[in-house]
Every structure is written in structure tokens, then in C-alpha cells.
Amino acid sequence: MMNEKNKINRDDEFIRQMMQSAKEQAPENLKHRIMHQIETESALTRKPVPIKKQEGNVLKDFIGIFGTMYAVLAVLIGGTYLLKGKDYVLSSGFLWIVILVAFVFSLFWLMTRVDERLKDKRKKLHSTSK
């Protein structure tokens, strides 16, 4: 039994020595060549450019659209007051015109927000797929 274990140990030792002698050694500059290859590849590959989100765009659009709406309403009310008088400006028919103008500008602002949101989603989708 002991003789078999010694024989197995000797065989294992012999196999190890054979493998050690047959093993190829890497050249000294291999590490430097690999690092140079990695650096070259990283320099040549495109890096995704981070997308800057425009923070002030919502407020800018809001002020622009609703500022224009108030200017249009001021001209409309002033012109109507000068041409038709105070009674027509205070009538329900004219109030509906003012509400319609406000609704149209609000709808326009809503469409700009939806369009901006869809553009952001499209940009994110394209930036993640590259």
C-alpha cells in the first residue's frame, strides 16, 4: 500500500517536472505590449458624450408663451375697449373670446412640453443603443 502511494507521488512529481520544462515563458515586454494595446484601443473608441439637460428651458418656454398670451390679451382688451366700450368688454361673449385665447396658448405650451419630452426620450434611446 505504501509502495503504491510512493509510486503515485513519484509519478505526480515526474509529471509536474515534465510540465514545468515544457511550459513556455512569456517575454519580458509582454505586459507593456498588452498595456499599450489597451491604451490604444481605449483612445480610439468613441466615448458617449453626456447629454446636458436644459434646466431653464421649461421656465423660458413658459414665460415666452404666456408672456405673449398676456400681450395679445392686453391688445385685444384695449382695442375692444376703445372700439366697443366698457359694456362689451364686460359681456359674456367677450369673456368667451378671452378664455379661447388663453386655452389656445395653454394648448400650445402643452404641445411644446410633450414635444420636448419625446425628444429627450429619443435622445436617451439613441445614446444607450450606441
N, C-alpha and C. Protein backbone atom coordinates (compact mmCIF):
# COMPACT_ATOMS: atom_id res chain seq x y z
N MET A 1 0.82 -1.19 0.00
CA MET A 1 0.00 0.00 0.00
C MET A 1 0.86 1.25 0.00
N MET A 2 1.88 1.23 0.85
CA MET A 2 2.78 2.36 0.96
C MET A 2 3.59 2.52 -0.31
N ASN A 3 3.94 1.38 -0.90
CA ASN A 3 4.71 1.38 -2.12
C ASN A 3 3.91 2.01 -3.26
N GLU A 4 2.60 1.75 -3.33
CA GLU A 4 1.74 2.32 -4.37
C GLU A 4 1.62 3.83 -4.21
N LYS A 5 1.51 4.31 -2.97
CA LYS A 5 1.41 5.75 -2.72
C LYS A 5 2.70 6.44 -3.14
N ASN A 6 3.83 5.82 -2.83
CA ASN A 6 5.12 6.40 -3.23
C ASN A 6 5.25 6.46 -4.75
N LYS A 7 4.78 5.39 -5.39
CA LYS A 7 4.83 5.34 -6.85
C LYS A 7 3.95 6.43 -7.45
N ILE A 8 2.74 6.64 -6.89
CA ILE A 8 1.84 7.67 -7.38
C ILE A 8 2.45 9.05 -7.15
N ASN A 9 3.06 9.25 -5.98
CA ASN A 9 3.72 10.53 -5.68
C ASN A 9 4.88 10.79 -6.64
N ARG A 10 5.64 9.75 -6.95
CA ARG A 10 6.75 9.90 -7.88
C ARG A 10 6.25 10.19 -9.29
N ASP A 11 5.17 9.51 -9.65
CA ASP A 11 4.58 9.77 -10.97
C ASP A 11 4.07 11.21 -11.06
N ASP A 12 3.40 11.66 -10.01
CA ASP A 12 2.91 13.05 -9.97
C ASP A 12 4.07 14.03 -10.06
N GLU A 13 5.13 13.73 -9.34
CA GLU A 13 6.31 14.59 -9.34
C GLU A 13 6.95 14.63 -10.73
N PHE A 14 7.00 13.46 -11.37
CA PHE A 14 7.57 13.37 -12.71
C PHE A 14 6.73 14.17 -13.71
N ILE A 15 5.41 14.05 -13.59
CA ILE A 15 4.51 14.79 -14.50
C ILE A 15 4.66 16.29 -14.29
N ARG A 16 4.77 16.70 -13.04
CA ARG A 16 4.96 18.12 -12.74
C ARG A 16 6.26 18.64 -13.35
N GLN A 17 7.31 17.89 -13.20
CA GLN A 17 8.60 18.31 -13.74
C GLN A 17 8.56 18.39 -15.27
N MET A 18 7.88 17.45 -15.89
CA MET A 18 7.75 17.46 -17.35
C MET A 18 6.95 18.69 -17.81
N MET A 19 5.90 18.99 -17.08
CA MET A 19 5.07 20.14 -17.46
C MET A 19 5.84 21.44 -17.24
N GLN A 20 6.62 21.52 -16.17
CA GLN A 20 7.41 22.72 -15.91
C GLN A 20 8.43 22.96 -17.01
N SER A 21 9.04 21.91 -17.47
CA SER A 21 10.07 22.08 -18.50
C SER A 21 9.44 22.41 -19.86
N ALA A 22 8.22 21.94 -20.10
CA ALA A 22 7.56 22.20 -21.38
C ALA A 22 6.83 23.55 -21.40
N LYS A 23 6.65 24.12 -20.24
CA LYS A 23 5.91 25.38 -20.17
C LYS A 23 6.71 26.51 -20.80
N GLU A 24 5.99 27.33 -21.64
CA GLU A 24 6.64 28.46 -22.28
C GLU A 24 6.59 29.67 -21.37
N GLN A 25 7.68 30.40 -21.35
CA GLN A 25 7.75 31.61 -20.55
C GLN A 25 7.36 32.81 -21.43
N ALA A 26 6.59 33.72 -20.82
CA ALA A 26 6.19 34.93 -21.55
C ALA A 26 7.37 35.88 -21.66
N PRO A 27 7.46 36.58 -22.78
CA PRO A 27 8.56 37.56 -22.93
C PRO A 27 8.44 38.67 -21.88
N GLU A 28 9.55 39.31 -21.61
CA GLU A 28 9.59 40.35 -20.59
C GLU A 28 8.68 41.54 -20.93
N ASN A 29 8.62 41.90 -22.20
CA ASN A 29 7.87 43.09 -22.57
C ASN A 29 6.39 42.81 -22.87
N LEU A 30 5.92 41.61 -22.58
CA LEU A 30 4.53 41.26 -22.86
C LEU A 30 3.55 42.15 -22.10
N LYS A 31 3.84 42.38 -20.84
CA LYS A 31 2.96 43.23 -20.02
C LYS A 31 2.87 44.63 -20.62
N HIS A 32 3.98 45.18 -21.04
CA HIS A 32 3.99 46.52 -21.63
C HIS A 32 3.24 46.55 -22.96
N ARG A 33 3.39 45.49 -23.76
CA ARG A 33 2.67 45.44 -25.04
C ARG A 33 1.17 45.35 -24.82
N ILE A 34 0.74 44.55 -23.84
CA ILE A 34 -0.69 44.43 -23.55
C ILE A 34 -1.25 45.76 -23.06
N MET A 35 -0.53 46.42 -22.16
CA MET A 35 -1.00 47.72 -21.66
C MET A 35 -1.05 48.75 -22.77
N HIS A 36 -0.08 48.72 -23.66
CA HIS A 36 -0.07 49.65 -24.79
C HIS A 36 -1.28 49.38 -25.70
N GLN A 37 -1.60 48.12 -25.94
CA GLN A 37 -2.75 47.76 -26.77
C GLN A 37 -4.06 48.24 -26.13
N ILE A 38 -4.18 48.06 -24.83
CA ILE A 38 -5.39 48.50 -24.12
C ILE A 38 -5.53 50.02 -24.18
N GLU A 39 -4.43 50.73 -23.97
CA GLU A 39 -4.47 52.20 -24.03
C GLU A 39 -4.81 52.68 -25.43
N THR A 40 -4.27 52.02 -26.45
CA THR A 40 -4.56 52.41 -27.83
C THR A 40 -6.04 52.19 -28.16
N GLU A 41 -6.57 51.05 -27.76
CA GLU A 41 -7.99 50.77 -28.03
C GLU A 41 -8.89 51.74 -27.30
N SER A 42 -8.57 52.07 -26.06
CA SER A 42 -9.42 53.00 -25.32
C SER A 42 -9.32 54.41 -25.89
N ALA A 43 -8.18 54.76 -26.47
CA ALA A 43 -8.05 56.09 -27.07
C ALA A 43 -8.80 56.18 -28.39
N LEU A 44 -8.89 55.07 -29.12
CA LEU A 44 -9.54 55.09 -30.43
C LEU A 44 -11.05 54.84 -30.38
N THR A 45 -11.57 54.29 -29.29
CA THR A 45 -13.00 54.04 -29.21
C THR A 45 -13.73 55.32 -28.81
N ARG A 46 -14.95 55.45 -29.33
CA ARG A 46 -15.77 56.62 -29.00
C ARG A 46 -16.35 56.49 -27.62
N LYS A 47 -16.26 57.56 -26.91
CA LYS A 47 -16.88 57.59 -25.59
C LYS A 47 -18.20 58.34 -25.70
N PRO A 48 -19.25 57.84 -25.08
CA PRO A 48 -20.54 58.55 -25.18
C PRO A 48 -20.45 59.91 -24.49
N VAL A 49 -20.93 60.91 -25.20
CA VAL A 49 -20.92 62.26 -24.66
C VAL A 49 -22.12 62.42 -23.74
N PRO A 50 -21.89 62.84 -22.50
CA PRO A 50 -23.02 63.01 -21.60
C PRO A 50 -23.96 64.11 -22.11
N ILE A 51 -25.25 63.83 -22.04
CA ILE A 51 -26.25 64.78 -22.52
C ILE A 51 -26.58 65.74 -21.38
N LYS A 52 -26.39 67.00 -21.67
CA LYS A 52 -26.71 68.01 -20.66
C LYS A 52 -28.18 68.35 -20.76
N LYS A 53 -28.85 68.24 -19.66
CA LYS A 53 -30.26 68.55 -19.63
C LYS A 53 -30.43 70.06 -19.48
N GLN A 54 -31.31 70.61 -20.27
CA GLN A 54 -31.54 72.05 -20.23
C GLN A 54 -32.55 72.35 -19.14
N GLU A 55 -32.05 72.89 -18.03
CA GLU A 55 -32.89 73.13 -16.87
C GLU A 55 -33.83 74.31 -17.07
N GLY A 56 -33.33 75.41 -17.64
CA GLY A 56 -34.13 76.62 -17.75
C GLY A 56 -35.08 76.63 -18.91
N ASN A 57 -35.12 75.56 -19.70
CA ASN A 57 -35.94 75.54 -20.90
C ASN A 57 -37.43 75.59 -20.58
N VAL A 58 -37.87 74.93 -19.53
CA VAL A 58 -39.30 74.91 -19.17
C VAL A 58 -39.75 76.31 -18.79
N LEU A 59 -38.98 76.94 -17.93
CA LEU A 59 -39.34 78.29 -17.49
C LEU A 59 -39.25 79.28 -18.63
N LYS A 60 -38.26 79.13 -19.48
CA LYS A 60 -38.09 80.02 -20.63
C LYS A 60 -39.29 79.90 -21.57
N ASP A 61 -39.70 78.68 -21.88
CA ASP A 61 -40.88 78.48 -22.74
C ASP A 61 -42.14 79.01 -22.08
N PHE A 62 -42.27 78.76 -20.79
CA PHE A 62 -43.46 79.21 -20.07
C PHE A 62 -43.58 80.73 -20.12
N ILE A 63 -42.49 81.41 -19.81
CA ILE A 63 -42.51 82.88 -19.81
C ILE A 63 -42.73 83.40 -21.23
N GLY A 64 -42.10 82.79 -22.20
CA GLY A 64 -42.26 83.24 -23.58
C GLY A 64 -43.67 83.10 -24.09
N ILE A 65 -44.26 81.94 -23.89
CA ILE A 65 -45.60 81.68 -24.42
C ILE A 65 -46.65 82.45 -23.65
N PHE A 66 -46.62 82.39 -22.33
CA PHE A 66 -47.66 83.08 -21.57
C PHE A 66 -47.44 84.59 -21.53
N GLY A 67 -46.20 85.04 -21.67
CA GLY A 67 -45.96 86.47 -21.82
C GLY A 67 -46.58 87.00 -23.10
N THR A 68 -46.42 86.23 -24.18
CA THR A 68 -47.06 86.59 -25.45
C THR A 68 -48.57 86.56 -25.32
N MET A 69 -49.09 85.57 -24.59
CA MET A 69 -50.55 85.49 -24.39
C MET A 69 -51.06 86.74 -23.68
N TYR A 70 -50.39 87.16 -22.63
CA TYR A 70 -50.85 88.35 -21.90
C TYR A 70 -50.72 89.60 -22.76
N ALA A 71 -49.71 89.66 -23.61
CA ALA A 71 -49.58 90.80 -24.52
C ALA A 71 -50.74 90.81 -25.53
N VAL A 72 -51.08 89.64 -26.07
CA VAL A 72 -52.21 89.54 -27.01
C VAL A 72 -53.51 89.91 -26.30
N LEU A 73 -53.69 89.43 -25.07
CA LEU A 73 -54.91 89.77 -24.33
C LEU A 73 -54.98 91.26 -24.02
N ALA A 74 -53.85 91.87 -23.71
CA ALA A 74 -53.84 93.30 -23.42
C ALA A 74 -54.22 94.10 -24.66
N VAL A 75 -53.67 93.73 -25.81
CA VAL A 75 -54.02 94.42 -27.06
C VAL A 75 -55.49 94.18 -27.40
N LEU A 76 -55.96 92.95 -27.23
CA LEU A 76 -57.35 92.60 -27.53
C LEU A 76 -58.32 93.37 -26.62
N ILE A 77 -58.04 93.39 -25.35
CA ILE A 77 -58.92 94.09 -24.40
C ILE A 77 -58.85 95.60 -24.64
N GLY A 78 -57.64 96.13 -24.83
CA GLY A 78 -57.50 97.57 -25.07
C GLY A 78 -58.19 98.00 -26.35
N GLY A 79 -57.98 97.23 -27.43
CA GLY A 79 -58.64 97.57 -28.71
C GLY A 79 -60.14 97.47 -28.62
N THR A 80 -60.64 96.44 -27.96
CA THR A 80 -62.09 96.26 -27.81
C THR A 80 -62.68 97.37 -26.93
N TYR A 81 -61.97 97.75 -25.91
CA TYR A 81 -62.46 98.81 -25.02
C TYR A 81 -62.55 100.14 -25.77
N LEU A 82 -61.52 100.42 -26.61
CA LEU A 82 -61.53 101.67 -27.37
C LEU A 82 -62.60 101.66 -28.47
N LEU A 83 -62.81 100.51 -29.12
CA LEU A 83 -63.75 100.45 -30.24
C LEU A 83 -65.20 100.22 -29.80
N LYS A 84 -65.42 99.35 -28.82
CA LYS A 84 -66.81 98.97 -28.48
C LYS A 84 -67.23 99.44 -27.10
N GLY A 85 -66.30 99.81 -26.27
CA GLY A 85 -66.66 100.35 -24.96
C GLY A 85 -66.58 99.33 -23.84
N LYS A 86 -66.88 99.88 -22.64
CA LYS A 86 -66.75 99.11 -21.41
C LYS A 86 -67.78 97.99 -21.32
N ASP A 87 -68.97 98.22 -21.80
CA ASP A 87 -70.03 97.21 -21.69
C ASP A 87 -69.70 95.94 -22.47
N TYR A 88 -69.13 96.09 -23.66
CA TYR A 88 -68.80 94.90 -24.45
C TYR A 88 -67.64 94.14 -23.82
N VAL A 89 -66.67 94.84 -23.23
CA VAL A 89 -65.53 94.18 -22.59
C VAL A 89 -66.01 93.34 -21.41
N LEU A 90 -67.04 93.79 -20.70
CA LEU A 90 -67.55 93.07 -19.54
C LEU A 90 -68.61 92.03 -19.90
N SER A 91 -68.98 91.90 -21.17
CA SER A 91 -70.02 90.96 -21.57
C SER A 91 -69.49 89.53 -21.59
N SER A 92 -70.42 88.57 -21.56
CA SER A 92 -70.04 87.15 -21.54
C SER A 92 -69.47 86.70 -22.88
N GLY A 93 -69.92 87.30 -23.97
CA GLY A 93 -69.39 86.95 -25.29
C GLY A 93 -67.90 87.25 -25.40
N PHE A 94 -67.50 88.41 -24.90
CA PHE A 94 -66.09 88.77 -24.93
C PHE A 94 -65.28 87.92 -23.96
N LEU A 95 -65.90 87.54 -22.83
CA LEU A 95 -65.21 86.67 -21.87
C LEU A 95 -64.87 85.32 -22.51
N TRP A 96 -65.77 84.81 -23.35
CA TRP A 96 -65.50 83.55 -24.04
C TRP A 96 -64.33 83.69 -25.03
N ILE A 97 -64.21 84.86 -25.64
CA ILE A 97 -63.08 85.11 -26.54
C ILE A 97 -61.76 85.09 -25.76
N VAL A 98 -61.77 85.73 -24.59
CA VAL A 98 -60.57 85.75 -23.74
C VAL A 98 -60.22 84.34 -23.28
N ILE A 99 -61.24 83.57 -22.90
CA ILE A 99 -61.00 82.18 -22.48
C ILE A 99 -60.46 81.34 -23.63
N LEU A 100 -60.97 81.55 -24.83
CA LEU A 100 -60.48 80.83 -26.01
C LEU A 100 -59.02 81.16 -26.29
N VAL A 101 -58.64 82.42 -26.21
CA VAL A 101 -57.24 82.81 -26.42
C VAL A 101 -56.35 82.16 -25.37
N ALA A 102 -56.78 82.19 -24.11
CA ALA A 102 -56.00 81.57 -23.04
C ALA A 102 -55.87 80.05 -23.26
N PHE A 103 -56.95 79.42 -23.72
CA PHE A 103 -56.93 77.98 -23.97
C PHE A 103 -55.98 77.64 -25.12
N VAL A 104 -56.00 78.43 -26.17
CA VAL A 104 -55.12 78.16 -27.32
C VAL A 104 -53.65 78.29 -26.91
N PHE A 105 -53.31 79.31 -26.15
CA PHE A 105 -51.92 79.46 -25.72
C PHE A 105 -51.52 78.35 -24.73
N SER A 106 -52.44 77.95 -23.87
CA SER A 106 -52.14 76.85 -22.94
C SER A 106 -51.93 75.55 -23.69
N LEU A 107 -52.73 75.32 -24.71
CA LEU A 107 -52.59 74.12 -25.54
C LEU A 107 -51.24 74.14 -26.28
N PHE A 108 -50.86 75.31 -26.77
CA PHE A 108 -49.57 75.45 -27.44
C PHE A 108 -48.43 75.14 -26.47
N TRP A 109 -48.51 75.63 -25.24
CA TRP A 109 -47.47 75.35 -24.25
C TRP A 109 -47.41 73.85 -23.94
N LEU A 110 -48.59 73.22 -23.82
CA LEU A 110 -48.64 71.77 -23.56
C LEU A 110 -47.98 70.99 -24.69
N MET A 111 -48.23 71.40 -25.93
CA MET A 111 -47.62 70.71 -27.07
C MET A 111 -46.10 70.87 -27.06
N THR A 112 -45.60 72.03 -26.68
CA THR A 112 -44.14 72.19 -26.61
C THR A 112 -43.54 71.31 -25.53
N ARG A 113 -44.21 71.15 -24.41
CA ARG A 113 -43.72 70.27 -23.33
C ARG A 113 -43.71 68.81 -23.78
N VAL A 114 -44.79 68.36 -24.44
CA VAL A 114 -44.85 66.98 -24.91
C VAL A 114 -43.76 66.73 -25.94
N ASP A 115 -43.57 67.69 -26.85
CA ASP A 115 -42.54 67.55 -27.88
C ASP A 115 -41.16 67.48 -27.25
N GLU A 116 -40.89 68.30 -26.26
CA GLU A 116 -39.59 68.29 -25.58
C GLU A 116 -39.37 66.96 -24.86
N ARG A 117 -40.41 66.44 -24.25
CA ARG A 117 -40.31 65.15 -23.54
C ARG A 117 -40.00 64.01 -24.52
N LEU A 118 -40.67 64.02 -25.67
CA LEU A 118 -40.42 62.98 -26.67
C LEU A 118 -39.00 63.08 -27.23
N LYS A 119 -38.50 64.30 -27.42
CA LYS A 119 -37.13 64.47 -27.90
C LYS A 119 -36.13 63.93 -26.88
N ASP A 120 -36.38 64.19 -25.60
CA ASP A 120 -35.49 63.67 -24.55
C ASP A 120 -35.47 62.15 -24.53
N LYS A 121 -36.65 61.55 -24.68
CA LYS A 121 -36.72 60.09 -24.70
C LYS A 121 -35.98 59.53 -25.90
N ARG A 122 -36.13 60.18 -27.06
CA ARG A 122 -35.44 59.72 -28.26
C ARG A 122 -33.94 59.83 -28.10
N LYS A 123 -33.47 60.93 -27.49
CA LYS A 123 -32.03 61.10 -27.27
C LYS A 123 -31.49 60.03 -26.34
N LYS A 124 -32.23 59.73 -25.27
CA LYS A 124 -31.79 58.69 -24.34
C LYS A 124 -31.75 57.33 -25.01
N LEU A 125 -32.75 57.06 -25.85
CA LEU A 125 -32.81 55.78 -26.54
C LEU A 125 -31.63 55.64 -27.50
N HIS A 126 -31.32 56.71 -28.23
CA HIS A 126 -30.20 56.64 -29.17
C HIS A 126 -28.86 56.60 -28.47
N SER A 127 -28.75 57.28 -27.34
CA SER A 127 -27.46 57.29 -26.64
C SER A 127 -27.18 55.96 -25.96
N THR A 128 -28.21 55.23 -25.52
CA THR A 128 -27.98 53.94 -24.90
C THR A 128 -27.76 52.84 -25.93
N SER A 129 -28.27 53.02 -27.14
CA SER A 129 -28.12 51.97 -28.15
C SER A 129 -26.76 52.01 -28.84
N LYS A 130 -26.02 53.11 -28.72
CA LYS A 130 -24.70 53.21 -29.38
C LYS A 130 -23.63 52.55 -28.57
